[in-house]
């Protein structure tokens, strides 16, 4: 799910996360300090919540694709109203 969160980040932020940093350093910071991409202020709150849950440092605490799908469907319904 981490990768899904990164892909979704790239869609909403229209940029690669940590693109100007050394990939080895970034990997270490993710593993050791839980570094995640900085979400833009324009990212909807519900999407921010989904992405942050995808980046939970503990893999067993990340949502499943079914859970993400349900959350996205609810967000879409709220957006339509």
C-alpha atoms as a PDB file:
ATOM      1  CA  UNK A   1       0.000   0.000   0.000  1.00  0.00           C
ATOM      2  CA  UNK A   2       2.985   2.268   0.476  1.00  0.00           C
ATOM      3  CA  UNK A   3       3.468   2.357  -3.298  1.00  0.00           C
ATOM      4  CA  UNK A   4      -0.201   3.158  -3.883  1.00  0.00           C
ATOM      5  CA  UNK A   5       0.179   6.116  -1.525  1.00  0.00           C
ATOM      6  CA  UNK A   6       3.244   7.313  -3.423  1.00  0.00           C
ATOM      7  CA  UNK A   7       1.470   6.997  -6.777  1.00  0.00           C
ATOM      8  CA  UNK A   8      -1.548   8.903  -5.450  1.00  0.00           C
ATOM      9  CA  UNK A   9       0.795  11.558  -4.038  1.00  0.00           C
ATOM     10  CA  UNK A  10       2.309  12.023  -7.493  1.00  0.00           C
ATOM     11  CA  UNK A  11      -1.179  12.498  -8.966  1.00  0.00           C
ATOM     12  CA  UNK A  12      -2.298  15.080  -6.399  1.00  0.00           C
ATOM     13  CA  UNK A  13       1.021  16.909  -5.979  1.00  0.00           C
ATOM     14  CA  UNK A  14       2.001  16.632  -9.652  1.00  0.00           C
ATOM     15  CA  UNK A  15       5.573  15.901  -8.637  1.00  0.00           C
ATOM     16  CA  UNK A  16       7.780  13.069  -7.492  1.00  0.00           C
ATOM     17  CA  UNK A  17       8.306  12.868  -3.744  1.00  0.00           C
ATOM     18  CA  UNK A  18      11.810  13.741  -2.563  1.00  0.00           C
ATOM     19  CA  UNK A  19      12.940  14.121  -6.186  1.00  0.00           C
ATOM     20  CA  UNK A  20      15.873  16.372  -5.288  1.00  0.00           C
ATOM     21  CA  UNK A  21      17.251  14.096  -2.595  1.00  0.00           C
ATOM     22  CA  UNK A  22      19.613  11.142  -2.595  1.00  0.00           C
ATOM     23  CA  UNK A  23      17.508   7.940  -2.910  1.00  0.00           C
ATOM     24  CA  UNK A  24      19.713   6.048  -0.430  1.00  0.00           C
ATOM     25  CA  UNK A  25      19.332   8.799   2.173  1.00  0.00           C
ATOM     26  CA  UNK A  26      15.584   8.945   1.596  1.00  0.00           C
ATOM     27  CA  UNK A  27      15.280   5.181   2.054  1.00  0.00           C
ATOM     28  CA  UNK A  28      17.135   5.417   5.350  1.00  0.00           C
ATOM     29  CA  UNK A  29      14.986   8.326   6.539  1.00  0.00           C
ATOM     30  CA  UNK A  30      11.811   6.434   5.654  1.00  0.00           C
ATOM     31  CA  UNK A  31      12.975   3.343   7.516  1.00  0.00           C
ATOM     32  CA  UNK A  32      14.548   5.078  10.519  1.00  0.00           C
ATOM     33  CA  UNK A  33      12.387   8.171  10.978  1.00  0.00           C
ATOM     34  CA  UNK A  34       9.157   7.431   9.124  1.00  0.00           C
ATOM     35  CA  UNK A  35       9.723  10.146   6.516  1.00  0.00           C
ATOM     36  CA  UNK A  36       6.745  10.624   4.202  1.00  0.00           C
ATOM     37  CA  UNK A  37       6.133  13.044   1.325  1.00  0.00           C
ATOM     38  CA  UNK A  38       4.901  16.537   2.165  1.00  0.00           C
ATOM     39  CA  UNK A  39       1.314  16.730   0.902  1.00  0.00           C
ATOM     40  CA  UNK A  40       0.219  19.990  -0.717  1.00  0.00           C
ATOM     41  CA  UNK A  41      -2.325  22.113   1.161  1.00  0.00           C
ATOM     42  CA  UNK A  42      -4.646  21.728  -1.819  1.00  0.00           C
ATOM     43  CA  UNK A  43      -4.975  17.971  -1.251  1.00  0.00           C
ATOM     44  CA  UNK A  44      -8.473  17.189   0.101  1.00  0.00           C
ATOM     45  CA  UNK A  45      -8.559  16.207   3.776  1.00  0.00           C
ATOM     46  CA  UNK A  46     -10.073  12.781   3.120  1.00  0.00           C
ATOM     47  CA  UNK A  47      -7.401  11.997   0.521  1.00  0.00           C
ATOM     48  CA  UNK A  48      -4.691  13.200   2.902  1.00  0.00           C
ATOM     49  CA  UNK A  49      -6.014  10.811   5.520  1.00  0.00           C
ATOM     50  CA  UNK A  50      -6.002   7.888   3.079  1.00  0.00           C
ATOM     51  CA  UNK A  51      -2.451   8.607   1.921  1.00  0.00           C
ATOM     52  CA  UNK A  52      -1.114   8.963   5.445  1.00  0.00           C
ATOM     53  CA  UNK A  53      -2.676   5.631   6.369  1.00  0.00           C
ATOM     54  CA  UNK A  54      -0.893   4.047   3.375  1.00  0.00           C
ATOM     55  CA  UNK A  55       2.402   5.329   4.764  1.00  0.00           C
ATOM     56  CA  UNK A  56       2.001   3.873   8.231  1.00  0.00           C
ATOM     57  CA  UNK A  57       5.464   2.733   9.268  1.00  0.00           C
ATOM     58  CA  UNK A  58       3.964  -0.573  10.421  1.00  0.00           C
ATOM     59  CA  UNK A  59       2.899  -2.512   7.289  1.00  0.00           C
ATOM     60  CA  UNK A  60       0.224  -4.468   9.165  1.00  0.00           C
ATOM     61  CA  UNK A  61      -1.466  -1.166  10.056  1.00  0.00           C
ATOM     62  CA  UNK A  62      -1.813  -0.010   6.445  1.00  0.00           C
ATOM     63  CA  UNK A  63      -5.231  -0.296   4.795  1.00  0.00           C
ATOM     64  CA  UNK A  64      -6.072  -2.974   2.280  1.00  0.00           C
ATOM     65  CA  UNK A  65      -7.007  -2.059  -1.279  1.00  0.00           C
ATOM     66  CA  UNK A  66     -10.627  -2.894  -0.412  1.00  0.00           C
ATOM     67  CA  UNK A  67     -10.556  -0.436   2.495  1.00  0.00           C
ATOM     68  CA  UNK A  68      -9.045   2.272   0.301  1.00  0.00           C
ATOM     69  CA  UNK A  69     -11.649   1.624  -2.384  1.00  0.00           C
ATOM     70  CA  UNK A  70     -14.450   2.029   0.174  1.00  0.00           C
ATOM     71  CA  UNK A  71     -12.931   5.269   1.485  1.00  0.00           C
ATOM     72  CA  UNK A  72     -12.539   6.659  -2.039  1.00  0.00           C
ATOM     73  CA  UNK A  73     -16.122   5.733  -2.912  1.00  0.00           C
ATOM     74  CA  UNK A  74     -17.387   7.544   0.207  1.00  0.00           C
ATOM     75  CA  UNK A  75     -15.279  10.572  -0.665  1.00  0.00           C
ATOM     76  CA  UNK A  76     -16.668  10.607  -4.177  1.00  0.00           C
ATOM     77  CA  UNK A  77     -20.247  10.391  -2.893  1.00  0.00           C
ATOM     78  CA  UNK A  78     -19.639  13.315  -0.533  1.00  0.00           C
ATOM     79  CA  UNK A  79     -18.071  15.307  -3.343  1.00  0.00           C
ATOM     80  CA  UNK A  80     -21.135  14.778  -5.562  1.00  0.00           C
ATOM     81  CA  UNK A  81     -23.461  16.228  -2.922  1.00  0.00           C
END
